[in-house]
PDB file of all heavy atoms in Angstrom:
ATOM      1  N   SER A   1     -41.022 -14.215  24.922  1.00  0.00           N
ATOM      2  CA  SER A   1     -40.573 -14.996  23.758  1.00  0.00           C
ATOM      3  C   SER A   1     -39.041 -14.887  23.701  1.00  0.00           C
ATOM      4  O   SER A   1     -38.414 -14.314  24.584  1.00  0.00           O
ATOM      5  CB  SER A   1     -41.193 -14.421  22.491  1.00  0.00           C
ATOM      6  OG  SER A   1     -40.684 -13.115  22.246  1.00  0.00           O
ATOM      7  N   ALA A   2     -38.490 -15.405  22.653  1.00  0.00           N
ATOM      8  CA  ALA A   2     -37.040 -15.322  22.466  1.00  0.00           C
ATOM      9  C   ALA A   2     -36.565 -13.877  22.346  1.00  0.00           C
ATOM     10  O   ALA A   2     -35.389 -13.590  22.586  1.00  0.00           O
ATOM     11  CB  ALA A   2     -36.628 -16.122  21.226  1.00  0.00           C
ATOM     12  N   GLU A   3     -37.466 -12.970  22.043  1.00  0.00           N
ATOM     13  CA  GLU A   3     -37.093 -11.560  21.926  1.00  0.00           C
ATOM     14  C   GLU A   3     -36.727 -10.927  23.271  1.00  0.00           C
ATOM     15  O   GLU A   3     -35.845 -10.096  23.342  1.00  0.00           O
ATOM     16  CB  GLU A   3     -38.207 -10.776  21.264  1.00  0.00           C
ATOM     17  CG  GLU A   3     -38.385 -11.123  19.808  1.00  0.00           C
ATOM     18  CD  GLU A   3     -39.524 -10.361  19.158  1.00  0.00           C
ATOM     19  OE1 GLU A   3     -39.940  -9.308  19.674  1.00  0.00           O
ATOM     20  OE2 GLU A   3     -40.023 -10.844  18.128  1.00  0.00           O
ATOM     21  N   ASN A   4     -37.426 -11.332  24.347  1.00  0.00           N
ATOM     22  CA  ASN A   4     -37.116 -10.728  25.646  1.00  0.00           C
ATOM     23  C   ASN A   4     -36.522 -11.714  26.646  1.00  0.00           C
ATOM     24  O   ASN A   4     -36.125 -11.330  27.741  1.00  0.00           O
ATOM     25  CB  ASN A   4     -38.334 -10.022  26.236  1.00  0.00           C
ATOM     26  CG  ASN A   4     -39.561 -10.909  26.339  1.00  0.00           C
ATOM     27  OD1 ASN A   4     -39.512 -12.101  26.104  1.00  0.00           O
ATOM     28  ND2 ASN A   4     -40.678 -10.287  26.688  1.00  0.00           N
ATOM     29  N   LEU A   5     -36.442 -12.994  26.263  1.00  0.00           N
ATOM     30  CA  LEU A   5     -35.766 -14.019  27.057  1.00  0.00           C
ATOM     31  C   LEU A   5     -35.291 -15.082  26.074  1.00  0.00           C
ATOM     32  O   LEU A   5     -36.057 -15.965  25.688  1.00  0.00           O
ATOM     33  CB  LEU A   5     -36.691 -14.614  28.120  1.00  0.00           C
ATOM     34  CG  LEU A   5     -36.089 -15.619  29.098  1.00  0.00           C
ATOM     35  CD1 LEU A   5     -34.940 -15.000  29.896  1.00  0.00           C
ATOM     36  CD2 LEU A   5     -37.144 -16.166  30.042  1.00  0.00           C
ATOM     37  N   SER A   6     -34.055 -14.971  25.631  1.00  0.00           N
ATOM     38  CA  SER A   6     -33.553 -15.724  24.482  1.00  0.00           C
ATOM     39  C   SER A   6     -33.789 -17.242  24.549  1.00  0.00           C
ATOM     40  O   SER A   6     -34.020 -17.878  23.535  1.00  0.00           O
ATOM     41  CB  SER A   6     -32.066 -15.446  24.273  1.00  0.00           C
ATOM     42  OG  SER A   6     -31.315 -15.877  25.407  1.00  0.00           O
ATOM     43  N   ASP A   7     -33.768 -17.808  25.739  1.00  0.00           N
ATOM     44  CA  ASP A   7     -33.928 -19.257  25.859  1.00  0.00           C
ATOM     45  C   ASP A   7     -35.290 -19.661  26.417  1.00  0.00           C
ATOM     46  O   ASP A   7     -35.454 -20.737  26.975  1.00  0.00           O
ATOM     47  CB  ASP A   7     -32.810 -19.855  26.728  1.00  0.00           C
ATOM     48  CG  ASP A   7     -32.743 -19.219  28.105  1.00  0.00           C
ATOM     49  OD1 ASP A   7     -33.574 -18.349  28.425  1.00  0.00           O
ATOM     50  OD2 ASP A   7     -31.855 -19.609  28.880  1.00  0.00           O
ATOM     51  N   TYR A   8     -36.283 -18.817  26.210  1.00  0.00           N
ATOM     52  CA  TYR A   8     -37.610 -19.088  26.766  1.00  0.00           C
ATOM     53  C   TYR A   8     -38.177 -20.432  26.328  1.00  0.00           C
ATOM     54  O   TYR A   8     -38.791 -21.147  27.109  1.00  0.00           O
ATOM     55  CB  TYR A   8     -38.593 -17.963  26.439  1.00  0.00           C
ATOM     56  CG  TYR A   8     -39.977 -18.213  27.003  1.00  0.00           C
ATOM     57  CD1 TYR A   8     -40.155 -18.392  28.382  1.00  0.00           C
ATOM     58  CD2 TYR A   8     -41.086 -18.313  26.186  1.00  0.00           C
ATOM     59  CE1 TYR A   8     -41.392 -18.641  28.920  1.00  0.00           C
ATOM     60  CE2 TYR A   8     -42.345 -18.559  26.714  1.00  0.00           C
ATOM     61  CZ  TYR A   8     -42.490 -18.715  28.075  1.00  0.00           C
ATOM     62  OH  TYR A   8     -43.738 -18.978  28.608  1.00  0.00           O
ATOM     63  N   GLU A   9     -37.959 -20.800  25.096  1.00  0.00           N
ATOM     64  CA  GLU A   9     -38.486 -22.066  24.569  1.00  0.00           C
ATOM     65  C   GLU A   9     -38.018 -23.249  25.432  1.00  0.00           C
ATOM     66  O   GLU A   9     -38.758 -24.209  25.612  1.00  0.00           O
ATOM     67  CB  GLU A   9     -38.062 -22.251  23.107  1.00  0.00           C
ATOM     68  CG  GLU A   9     -38.655 -23.453  22.453  1.00  0.00           C
ATOM     69  CD  GLU A   9     -40.184 -23.413  22.336  1.00  0.00           C
ATOM     70  OE1 GLU A   9     -40.759 -22.327  22.238  1.00  0.00           O
ATOM     71  OE2 GLU A   9     -40.796 -24.501  22.352  1.00  0.00           O
ATOM     72  N   HIS A  10     -36.832 -23.171  25.997  1.00  0.00           N
ATOM     73  CA  HIS A  10     -36.293 -24.262  26.807  1.00  0.00           C
ATOM     74  C   HIS A  10     -36.784 -24.201  28.248  1.00  0.00           C
ATOM     75  O   HIS A  10     -36.490 -25.099  29.037  1.00  0.00           O
ATOM     76  CB  HIS A  10     -34.753 -24.225  26.790  1.00  0.00           C
ATOM     77  CG  HIS A  10     -34.201 -24.361  25.411  1.00  0.00           C
ATOM     78  ND1 HIS A  10     -34.316 -25.512  24.665  1.00  0.00           N
ATOM     79  CD2 HIS A  10     -33.523 -23.466  24.649  1.00  0.00           C
ATOM     80  CE1 HIS A  10     -33.734 -25.321  23.482  1.00  0.00           C
ATOM     81  NE2 HIS A  10     -33.256 -24.084  23.451  1.00  0.00           N
ATOM     82  N   ARG A  11     -37.505 -23.170  28.601  1.00  0.00           N
ATOM     83  CA  ARG A  11     -37.936 -22.974  29.979  1.00  0.00           C
ATOM     84  C   ARG A  11     -39.366 -23.452  30.216  1.00  0.00           C
ATOM     85  O   ARG A  11     -39.877 -23.311  31.323  1.00  0.00           O
ATOM     86  CB  ARG A  11     -37.812 -21.500  30.356  1.00  0.00           C
ATOM     87  CG  ARG A  11     -36.371 -21.031  30.389  1.00  0.00           C
ATOM     88  CD  ARG A  11     -36.264 -19.569  30.726  1.00  0.00           C
ATOM     89  NE  ARG A  11     -34.876 -19.135  30.732  1.00  0.00           N
ATOM     90  CZ  ARG A  11     -34.082 -19.210  31.784  1.00  0.00           C
ATOM     91  NH1 ARG A  11     -34.504 -19.674  32.921  1.00  0.00           N
ATOM     92  NH2 ARG A  11     -32.825 -18.793  31.690  1.00  0.00           N
ATOM     93  N   ARG A  12     -40.020 -24.000  29.256  1.00  0.00           N
ATOM     94  CA  ARG A  12     -41.386 -24.459  29.428  1.00  0.00           C
ATOM     95  C   ARG A  12     -41.398 -25.698  30.306  1.00  0.00           C
ATOM     96  O   ARG A  12     -40.765 -26.702  30.018  1.00  0.00           O
ATOM     97  CB  ARG A  12     -42.019 -24.771  28.077  1.00  0.00           C
ATOM     98  CG  ARG A  12     -41.916 -23.656  27.051  1.00  0.00           C
ATOM     99  CD  ARG A  12     -43.030 -22.634  27.221  1.00  0.00           C
ATOM    100  NE  ARG A  12     -42.860 -21.513  26.349  1.00  0.00           N
ATOM    101  CZ  ARG A  12     -43.177 -21.497  25.060  1.00  0.00           C
ATOM    102  NH1 ARG A  12     -43.672 -22.563  24.491  1.00  0.00           N
ATOM    103  NH2 ARG A  12     -42.988 -20.418  24.342  1.00  0.00           N
ATOM    104  N   LYS A  13     -42.108 -25.635  31.403  1.00  0.00           N
ATOM    105  CA  LYS A  13     -42.144 -26.750  32.361  1.00  0.00           C
ATOM    106  C   LYS A  13     -43.275 -27.736  32.055  1.00  0.00           C
ATOM    107  O   LYS A  13     -43.162 -28.913  32.337  1.00  0.00           O
ATOM    108  CB  LYS A  13     -42.313 -26.235  33.799  1.00  0.00           C
ATOM    109  CG  LYS A  13     -41.271 -25.232  34.220  1.00  0.00           C
ATOM    110  CD  LYS A  13     -39.908 -25.854  34.319  1.00  0.00           C
ATOM    111  CE  LYS A  13     -38.876 -24.884  34.815  1.00  0.00           C
ATOM    112  NZ  LYS A  13     -38.304 -23.997  33.835  1.00  0.00           N
ATOM    113  N   SER A  14     -44.363 -27.261  31.480  1.00  0.00           N
ATOM    114  CA  SER A  14     -45.521 -28.138  31.308  1.00  0.00           C
ATOM    115  C   SER A  14     -45.219 -29.312  30.385  1.00  0.00           C
ATOM    116  O   SER A  14     -45.749 -30.410  30.614  1.00  0.00           O
ATOM    117  CB  SER A  14     -46.729 -27.338  30.801  1.00  0.00           C
ATOM    118  OG  SER A  14     -46.471 -26.711  29.574  1.00  0.00           O
ATOM    119  N   ARG A  15     -44.367 -29.136  29.408  1.00  0.00           N
ATOM    120  CA  ARG A  15     -44.016 -30.271  28.531  1.00  0.00           C
ATOM    121  C   ARG A  15     -43.320 -31.384  29.323  1.00  0.00           C
ATOM    122  O   ARG A  15     -43.633 -32.555  29.160  1.00  0.00           O
ATOM    123  CB  ARG A  15     -43.089 -29.812  27.409  1.00  0.00           C
ATOM    124  CG  ARG A  15     -43.796 -29.111  26.308  1.00  0.00           C
ATOM    125  CD  ARG A  15     -42.859 -28.893  25.123  1.00  0.00           C
ATOM    126  NE  ARG A  15     -43.212 -27.636  24.514  1.00  0.00           N
ATOM    127  CZ  ARG A  15     -42.360 -26.682  24.203  1.00  0.00           C
ATOM    128  NH1 ARG A  15     -41.080 -26.830  24.414  1.00  0.00           N
ATOM    129  NH2 ARG A  15     -42.780 -25.563  23.658  1.00  0.00           N
ATOM    130  N   ALA A  16     -42.368 -31.001  30.143  1.00  0.00           N
ATOM    131  CA  ALA A  16     -41.638 -31.986  30.952  1.00  0.00           C
ATOM    132  C   ALA A  16     -42.588 -32.684  31.923  1.00  0.00           C
ATOM    133  O   ALA A  16     -42.524 -33.921  32.081  1.00  0.00           O
ATOM    134  CB  ALA A  16     -40.501 -31.323  31.715  1.00  0.00           C
ATOM    135  N   ILE A  17     -43.467 -31.923  32.531  1.00  0.00           N
ATOM    136  CA  ILE A  17     -44.417 -32.523  33.483  1.00  0.00           C
ATOM    137  C   ILE A  17     -45.359 -33.477  32.756  1.00  0.00           C
ATOM    138  O   ILE A  17     -45.612 -34.590  33.231  1.00  0.00           O
ATOM    139  CB  ILE A  17     -45.227 -31.438  34.243  1.00  0.00           C
ATOM    140  CG1 ILE A  17     -44.286 -30.469  34.948  1.00  0.00           C
ATOM    141  CG2 ILE A  17     -46.154 -32.094  35.257  1.00  0.00           C
ATOM    142  CD1 ILE A  17     -44.985 -29.207  35.469  1.00  0.00           C
ATOM    143  N   ALA A  18     -45.870 -33.050  31.610  1.00  0.00           N
ATOM    144  CA  ALA A  18     -46.780 -33.922  30.831  1.00  0.00           C
ATOM    145  C   ALA A  18     -46.072 -35.210  30.432  1.00  0.00           C
ATOM    146  O   ALA A  18     -46.655 -36.299  30.529  1.00  0.00           O
ATOM    147  CB  ALA A  18     -47.291 -33.184  29.589  1.00  0.00           C
ATOM    148  N   ASN A  19     -44.819 -35.111  30.014  1.00  0.00           N
ATOM    149  CA  ASN A  19     -44.056 -36.308  29.649  1.00  0.00           C
ATOM    150  C   ASN A  19     -43.869 -37.231  30.848  1.00  0.00           C
ATOM    151  O   ASN A  19     -43.990 -38.449  30.725  1.00  0.00           O
ATOM    152  CB  ASN A  19     -42.710 -35.933  29.046  1.00  0.00           C
ATOM    153  CG  ASN A  19     -42.836 -35.354  27.647  1.00  0.00           C
ATOM    154  OD1 ASN A  19     -43.816 -35.591  26.966  1.00  0.00           O
ATOM    155  ND2 ASN A  19     -41.860 -34.590  27.264  1.00  0.00           N
ATOM    156  N   ASP A  20     -43.585 -36.654  32.009  1.00  0.00           N
ATOM    157  CA  ASP A  20     -43.434 -37.453  33.225  1.00  0.00           C
ATOM    158  C   ASP A  20     -44.731 -38.193  33.549  1.00  0.00           C
ATOM    159  O   ASP A  20     -44.718 -39.391  33.866  1.00  0.00           O
ATOM    160  CB  ASP A  20     -43.035 -36.582  34.418  1.00  0.00           C
ATOM    161  CG  ASP A  20     -41.601 -36.085  34.355  1.00  0.00           C
ATOM    162  OD1 ASP A  20     -40.806 -36.635  33.571  1.00  0.00           O
ATOM    163  OD2 ASP A  20     -41.281 -35.161  35.123  1.00  0.00           O
ATOM    164  N   ILE A  21     -45.832 -37.495  33.453  1.00  0.00           N
ATOM    165  CA  ILE A  21     -47.137 -38.108  33.727  1.00  0.00           C
ATOM    166  C   ILE A  21     -47.390 -39.269  32.782  1.00  0.00           C
ATOM    167  O   ILE A  21     -47.789 -40.369  33.208  1.00  0.00           O
ATOM    168  CB  ILE A  21     -48.267 -37.056  33.641  1.00  0.00           C
ATOM    169  CG1 ILE A  21     -48.137 -36.044  34.787  1.00  0.00           C
ATOM    170  CG2 ILE A  21     -49.638 -37.725  33.660  1.00  0.00           C
ATOM    171  CD1 ILE A  21     -49.019 -34.813  34.635  1.00  0.00           C
ATOM    172  N   LYS A  22     -47.166 -39.056  31.491  1.00  0.00           N
ATOM    173  CA  LYS A  22     -47.408 -40.098  30.496  1.00  0.00           C
ATOM    174  C   LYS A  22     -46.483 -41.300  30.687  1.00  0.00           C
ATOM    175  O   LYS A  22     -46.927 -42.437  30.607  1.00  0.00           O
ATOM    176  CB  LYS A  22     -47.218 -39.530  29.078  1.00  0.00           C
ATOM    177  CG  LYS A  22     -48.303 -38.550  28.673  1.00  0.00           C
ATOM    178  CD  LYS A  22     -47.964 -37.963  27.305  1.00  0.00           C
ATOM    179  CE  LYS A  22     -48.824 -36.777  26.984  1.00  0.00           C
ATOM    180  NZ  LYS A  22     -48.382 -36.097  25.747  1.00  0.00           N
ATOM    181  N   ILE A  23     -45.205 -41.047  30.938  1.00  0.00           N
ATOM    182  CA  ILE A  23     -44.239 -42.131  31.144  1.00  0.00           C
ATOM    183  C   ILE A  23     -44.645 -43.006  32.313  1.00  0.00           C
ATOM    184  O   ILE A  23     -44.456 -44.227  32.299  1.00  0.00           O
ATOM    185  CB  ILE A  23     -42.810 -41.557  31.366  1.00  0.00           C
ATOM    186  CG1 ILE A  23     -42.235 -41.066  30.045  1.00  0.00           C
ATOM    187  CG2 ILE A  23     -41.878 -42.577  32.014  1.00  0.00           C
ATOM    188  CD1 ILE A  23     -40.945 -40.270  30.184  1.00  0.00           C
ATOM    189  N   LEU A  24     -45.260 -42.391  33.314  1.00  0.00           N
ATOM    190  CA  LEU A  24     -45.661 -43.135  34.517  1.00  0.00           C
ATOM    191  C   LEU A  24     -47.073 -43.683  34.411  1.00  0.00           C
ATOM    192  O   LEU A  24     -47.624 -44.204  35.384  1.00  0.00           O
ATOM    193  CB  LEU A  24     -45.505 -42.238  35.754  1.00  0.00           C
ATOM    194  CG  LEU A  24     -44.071 -41.784  36.025  1.00  0.00           C
ATOM    195  CD1 LEU A  24     -44.022 -40.757  37.134  1.00  0.00           C
ATOM    196  CD2 LEU A  24     -43.168 -42.971  36.325  1.00  0.00           C
ATOM    197  N   GLY A  25     -47.662 -43.586  33.232  1.00  0.00           N
ATOM    198  CA  GLY A  25     -48.965 -44.209  32.992  1.00  0.00           C
ATOM    199  C   GLY A  25     -50.176 -43.380  33.362  1.00  0.00           C
ATOM    200  O   GLY A  25     -51.299 -43.877  33.353  1.00  0.00           O
ATOM    201  N   GLY A  26     -49.975 -42.107  33.654  1.00  0.00           N
ATOM    202  CA  GLY A  26     -51.089 -41.248  34.001  1.00  0.00           C
ATOM    203  C   GLY A  26     -51.633 -40.513  32.793  1.00  0.00           C
ATOM    204  O   GLY A  26     -51.047 -40.526  31.724  1.00  0.00           O
ATOM    205  N   GLU A  27     -52.786 -39.900  33.007  1.00  0.00           N
ATOM    206  CA  GLU A  27     -53.400 -39.087  31.956  1.00  0.00           C
ATOM    207  C   GLU A  27     -53.192 -37.609  32.287  1.00  0.00           C
ATOM    208  O   GLU A  27     -53.377 -37.191  33.422  1.00  0.00           O
ATOM    209  CB  GLU A  27     -54.886 -39.388  31.845  1.00  0.00           C
ATOM    210  CG  GLU A  27     -55.154 -40.761  31.279  1.00  0.00           C
ATOM    211  CD  GLU A  27     -56.592 -40.924  30.814  1.00  0.00           C
ATOM    212  OE1 GLU A  27     -57.204 -39.919  30.429  1.00  0.00           O
ATOM    213  OE2 GLU A  27     -57.058 -42.063  30.860  1.00  0.00           O
ATOM    214  N   VAL A  28     -52.794 -36.875  31.284  1.00  0.00           N
ATOM    215  CA  VAL A  28     -52.521 -35.445  31.460  1.00  0.00           C
ATOM    216  C   VAL A  28     -53.853 -34.724  31.719  1.00  0.00           C
ATOM    217  O   VAL A  28     -54.802 -34.872  30.958  1.00  0.00           O
ATOM    218  CB  VAL A  28     -51.808 -34.873  30.217  1.00  0.00           C
ATOM    219  CG1 VAL A  28     -51.607 -33.386  30.357  1.00  0.00           C
ATOM    220  CG2 VAL A  28     -50.493 -35.594  29.993  1.00  0.00           C
TER     221      VAL A  28
END
């Protein structure tokens, strides 16, 4: 969490991948 890695919230990859899939017309 932010307690042991201050910018952890910005390091989540699954959100970016899900957005890419949706933008390209795929289903997550």
